[in-house]
N, C-alpha and C. Protein backbone atom coordinates (compact mmCIF):
# COMPACT_ATOMS: atom_id res chain seq x y z
N UNK A 1 116.14 117.72 51.22
CA UNK A 1 116.68 118.97 50.70
C UNK A 1 116.32 119.05 49.23
N UNK A 2 115.86 120.21 48.83
CA UNK A 2 115.46 120.46 47.44
C UNK A 2 116.65 120.93 46.61
N UNK A 3 116.66 120.53 45.35
CA UNK A 3 117.68 120.95 44.40
C UNK A 3 117.03 121.82 43.33
N UNK A 4 117.71 122.91 42.97
CA UNK A 4 117.22 123.83 41.95
C UNK A 4 118.39 124.11 41.02
N UNK A 5 118.15 123.98 39.71
CA UNK A 5 119.27 124.27 38.81
C UNK A 5 119.34 125.77 38.53
N UNK A 6 120.49 126.18 38.09
CA UNK A 6 120.78 127.60 37.86
C UNK A 6 119.78 128.21 36.87
N UNK A 7 119.44 127.46 35.86
CA UNK A 7 118.50 127.97 34.85
C UNK A 7 117.15 128.29 35.48
N UNK A 8 116.65 127.37 36.34
CA UNK A 8 115.37 127.64 37.02
C UNK A 8 115.48 128.85 37.93
N UNK A 9 116.60 129.00 38.58
CA UNK A 9 116.81 130.16 39.44
C UNK A 9 116.71 131.45 38.62
N UNK A 10 117.31 131.43 37.45
CA UNK A 10 117.31 132.62 36.59
C UNK A 10 115.93 132.89 35.99
N UNK A 11 115.26 131.83 35.54
CA UNK A 11 113.98 132.00 34.83
C UNK A 11 112.79 132.14 35.78
N UNK A 12 112.78 131.35 36.84
CA UNK A 12 111.64 131.30 37.77
C UNK A 12 112.04 131.78 39.15
N UNK A 13 112.66 132.92 39.21
CA UNK A 13 113.21 133.43 40.47
C UNK A 13 112.16 133.51 41.57
N UNK A 14 111.00 134.03 41.29
CA UNK A 14 109.99 134.18 42.35
C UNK A 14 109.55 132.82 42.90
N UNK A 15 109.46 131.82 42.03
CA UNK A 15 109.10 130.48 42.50
C UNK A 15 110.19 129.89 43.38
N UNK A 16 111.44 130.15 43.02
CA UNK A 16 112.56 129.66 43.82
C UNK A 16 112.55 130.33 45.19
N UNK A 17 112.26 131.64 45.25
CA UNK A 17 112.19 132.33 46.54
C UNK A 17 111.09 131.73 47.41
N UNK A 18 109.95 131.43 46.79
CA UNK A 18 108.86 130.80 47.54
C UNK A 18 109.28 129.43 48.07
N UNK A 19 109.96 128.69 47.22
CA UNK A 19 110.43 127.36 47.64
C UNK A 19 111.43 127.50 48.79
N UNK A 20 112.30 128.49 48.71
CA UNK A 20 113.28 128.72 49.77
C UNK A 20 112.57 129.07 51.08
N UNK A 21 111.55 129.88 50.99
CA UNK A 21 110.79 130.26 52.17
C UNK A 21 110.17 129.03 52.84
N UNK A 22 109.72 128.09 52.03
CA UNK A 22 109.09 126.87 52.54
C UNK A 22 110.12 125.86 53.02
N UNK A 23 111.14 125.61 52.22
CA UNK A 23 112.14 124.57 52.51
C UNK A 23 113.22 125.01 53.49
N UNK A 24 113.49 126.31 53.57
CA UNK A 24 114.53 126.93 54.41
C UNK A 24 115.94 126.78 53.82
N UNK A 25 116.18 125.76 53.02
CA UNK A 25 117.48 125.56 52.36
C UNK A 25 117.26 124.97 50.98
N UNK A 26 118.07 125.40 50.03
CA UNK A 26 118.04 124.84 48.68
C UNK A 26 119.47 124.63 48.21
N UNK A 27 119.68 123.59 47.44
CA UNK A 27 120.97 123.37 46.79
C UNK A 27 120.83 123.83 45.34
N UNK A 28 121.70 124.73 44.93
CA UNK A 28 121.72 125.21 43.55
C UNK A 28 122.68 124.33 42.77
N UNK A 29 122.23 123.83 41.63
CA UNK A 29 123.06 122.95 40.83
C UNK A 29 123.34 123.56 39.46
N UNK A 30 124.43 123.11 38.86
CA UNK A 30 124.78 123.48 37.50
C UNK A 30 125.25 122.20 36.82
N UNK A 31 124.61 121.86 35.73
CA UNK A 31 124.91 120.60 35.03
C UNK A 31 124.81 119.40 35.97
N UNK A 32 123.86 119.45 36.89
CA UNK A 32 123.63 118.33 37.80
C UNK A 32 124.57 118.25 38.99
N UNK A 33 125.50 119.19 39.09
CA UNK A 33 126.47 119.17 40.19
C UNK A 33 126.16 120.30 41.18
N UNK A 34 126.26 120.02 42.47
CA UNK A 34 126.01 121.06 43.47
C UNK A 34 126.96 122.24 43.27
N UNK A 35 126.41 123.43 43.35
CA UNK A 35 127.19 124.64 43.12
C UNK A 35 127.16 125.56 44.34
N UNK A 36 125.98 125.65 44.97
CA UNK A 36 125.84 126.58 46.09
C UNK A 36 124.70 126.11 46.99
N UNK A 37 124.73 126.63 48.19
CA UNK A 37 123.66 126.39 49.15
C UNK A 37 122.95 127.71 49.40
N UNK A 38 121.66 127.73 49.25
CA UNK A 38 120.86 128.92 49.60
C UNK A 38 120.19 128.59 50.92
N UNK A 39 120.29 129.51 51.84
CA UNK A 39 119.70 129.31 53.16
C UNK A 39 118.91 130.55 53.54
N UNK A 40 117.73 130.33 54.07
CA UNK A 40 116.90 131.45 54.49
C UNK A 40 117.56 132.12 55.70
N UNK A 41 117.73 133.43 55.63
CA UNK A 41 118.29 134.17 56.76
C UNK A 41 117.44 135.40 57.02
N UNK A 42 117.57 135.90 58.21
CA UNK A 42 116.88 137.14 58.57
C UNK A 42 117.90 138.05 59.24
N UNK A 43 117.49 139.27 59.49
CA UNK A 43 118.39 140.19 60.19
C UNK A 43 118.78 139.67 61.56
N UNK A 44 117.88 138.93 62.20
CA UNK A 44 118.17 138.47 63.56
C UNK A 44 119.07 137.24 63.60
N UNK A 45 119.13 136.45 62.51
CA UNK A 45 119.98 135.26 62.55
C UNK A 45 121.18 135.33 61.61
N UNK A 46 121.35 136.46 60.94
CA UNK A 46 122.44 136.59 59.97
C UNK A 46 123.80 136.31 60.57
N UNK A 47 124.14 136.96 61.67
CA UNK A 47 125.47 136.77 62.26
C UNK A 47 125.69 135.34 62.73
N UNK A 48 124.67 134.73 63.31
CA UNK A 48 124.79 133.35 63.79
C UNK A 48 124.99 132.39 62.63
N UNK A 49 124.27 132.61 61.54
CA UNK A 49 124.42 131.74 60.36
C UNK A 49 125.80 131.91 59.74
N UNK A 50 126.25 133.15 59.60
CA UNK A 50 127.59 133.39 59.05
C UNK A 50 128.66 132.76 59.92
N UNK A 51 128.53 132.87 61.23
CA UNK A 51 129.51 132.28 62.14
C UNK A 51 129.53 130.76 61.98
N UNK A 52 128.36 130.16 61.85
CA UNK A 52 128.28 128.70 61.69
C UNK A 52 128.91 128.25 60.37
N UNK A 53 128.65 128.99 59.30
CA UNK A 53 129.24 128.66 58.00
C UNK A 53 130.76 128.79 58.05
N UNK A 54 131.25 129.86 58.64
CA UNK A 54 132.70 130.07 58.73
C UNK A 54 133.35 129.00 59.59
N UNK A 55 132.70 128.63 60.68
CA UNK A 55 133.23 127.59 61.56
C UNK A 55 133.32 126.26 60.81
N UNK A 56 132.27 125.95 60.05
CA UNK A 56 132.25 124.71 59.29
C UNK A 56 133.33 124.70 58.21
N UNK A 57 133.51 125.83 57.53
CA UNK A 57 134.59 125.92 56.52
C UNK A 57 135.95 125.70 57.17
N UNK A 58 136.15 126.27 58.35
CA UNK A 58 137.40 126.07 59.08
C UNK A 58 137.61 124.61 59.44
N UNK A 59 136.55 123.96 59.89
CA UNK A 59 136.66 122.54 60.23
C UNK A 59 137.01 121.70 59.01
N UNK A 60 136.41 122.04 57.87
CA UNK A 60 136.73 121.32 56.63
C UNK A 60 138.19 121.55 56.23
N UNK A 61 138.68 122.77 56.40
CA UNK A 61 140.07 123.07 56.06
C UNK A 61 141.01 122.25 56.94
N UNK A 62 140.70 122.17 58.22
CA UNK A 62 141.53 121.37 59.14
C UNK A 62 141.48 119.90 58.75
N UNK A 63 140.30 119.42 58.41
CA UNK A 63 140.17 118.01 57.99
C UNK A 63 141.02 117.74 56.76
N UNK A 64 140.99 118.65 55.78
CA UNK A 64 141.81 118.48 54.58
C UNK A 64 143.30 118.47 54.91
N UNK A 65 143.72 119.37 55.80
CA UNK A 65 145.12 119.41 56.21
C UNK A 65 145.54 118.10 56.88
N UNK A 66 144.67 117.58 57.73
CA UNK A 66 144.98 116.31 58.39
C UNK A 66 145.08 115.17 57.39
N UNK A 67 144.17 115.13 56.43
CA UNK A 67 144.22 114.09 55.42
C UNK A 67 145.49 114.20 54.58
N UNK A 68 145.86 115.42 54.22
CA UNK A 68 147.09 115.62 53.45
C UNK A 68 148.30 115.22 54.28
N UNK A 69 148.27 115.52 55.55
CA UNK A 69 149.37 115.16 56.45
C UNK A 69 149.52 113.65 56.53
N UNK A 70 148.41 112.95 56.66
CA UNK A 70 148.46 111.48 56.72
C UNK A 70 148.97 110.92 55.40
N UNK A 71 148.51 111.49 54.30
CA UNK A 71 148.93 111.01 52.98
C UNK A 71 150.43 111.24 52.76
N UNK A 72 150.93 112.39 53.21
CA UNK A 72 152.34 112.73 53.02
C UNK A 72 153.24 112.22 54.13
N UNK A 73 152.66 111.48 55.06
CA UNK A 73 153.42 110.89 56.18
C UNK A 73 154.08 111.95 57.07
N UNK A 74 153.42 113.09 57.22
CA UNK A 74 153.97 114.13 58.08
C UNK A 74 153.29 114.18 59.44
N UNK A 75 152.50 113.15 59.75
CA UNK A 75 151.79 113.13 61.03
C UNK A 75 152.73 112.95 62.20
N UNK A 76 153.91 112.44 61.96
CA UNK A 76 154.81 112.14 63.07
C UNK A 76 155.83 113.26 63.33
N UNK A 77 155.55 114.46 62.87
CA UNK A 77 156.46 115.57 63.12
C UNK A 77 156.50 115.90 64.61
N UNK A 78 157.68 116.23 65.08
CA UNK A 78 157.80 116.66 66.47
C UNK A 78 157.32 118.10 66.59
N UNK A 79 157.15 118.57 67.81
CA UNK A 79 156.72 119.95 68.04
C UNK A 79 157.74 120.92 67.44
N UNK A 80 159.04 120.64 67.60
CA UNK A 80 160.08 121.50 67.02
C UNK A 80 160.00 121.54 65.49
N UNK A 81 159.74 120.38 64.88
CA UNK A 81 159.62 120.33 63.42
C UNK A 81 158.41 121.13 62.94
N UNK A 82 157.33 121.04 63.68
CA UNK A 82 156.13 121.80 63.34
C UNK A 82 156.41 123.30 63.42
N UNK A 83 157.08 123.73 64.48
CA UNK A 83 157.42 125.16 64.64
C UNK A 83 158.35 125.62 63.53
N UNK A 84 159.31 124.77 63.13
CA UNK A 84 160.21 125.10 62.02
C UNK A 84 159.43 125.31 60.73
N UNK A 85 158.45 124.43 60.47
CA UNK A 85 157.63 124.56 59.26
C UNK A 85 156.83 125.87 59.29
N UNK A 86 156.28 126.20 60.44
CA UNK A 86 155.53 127.45 60.58
C UNK A 86 156.43 128.64 60.29
N UNK A 87 157.65 128.63 60.83
CA UNK A 87 158.60 129.72 60.60
C UNK A 87 158.94 129.86 59.12
N UNK A 88 159.14 128.72 58.43
CA UNK A 88 159.45 128.75 57.01
C UNK A 88 158.33 129.41 56.21
N UNK A 89 157.10 129.04 56.52
CA UNK A 89 155.96 129.60 55.80
C UNK A 89 155.85 131.10 56.08
N UNK A 90 156.02 131.49 57.33
CA UNK A 90 155.93 132.90 57.68
C UNK A 90 157.02 133.72 56.99
N UNK A 91 158.23 133.18 56.92
CA UNK A 91 159.33 133.88 56.24
C UNK A 91 158.98 134.06 54.76
N UNK A 92 158.39 133.06 54.17
CA UNK A 92 158.01 133.13 52.75
C UNK A 92 156.96 134.18 52.48
N UNK A 93 156.05 134.38 53.43
CA UNK A 93 154.99 135.38 53.26
C UNK A 93 155.53 136.79 53.40
N UNK A 94 156.59 136.97 54.16
CA UNK A 94 157.15 138.30 54.39
C UNK A 94 157.97 138.80 53.23
N UNK A 95 158.30 137.95 52.30
CA UNK A 95 159.15 138.35 51.17
C UNK A 95 158.37 139.05 50.10
């Protein structure tokens, strides 16, 4: 996977587009840290790519919740306790 810094993207945009066309994916960095992923898409694969990205983000969110649950020792909640927590959160959102 190729890395391109933000400055190169701004200054050499056409070269970055060519590189994206060849590599299919690029990681955009800022100060050496990953900032974004550029992925080649077309009209025919746009929806499939968006669905895959959203699915992956959802999986990451679930993974984070599980890790937080293990860290906070809430993995052993009963089904009733889980439902109570859901109700509390929903009541808070309605206010």
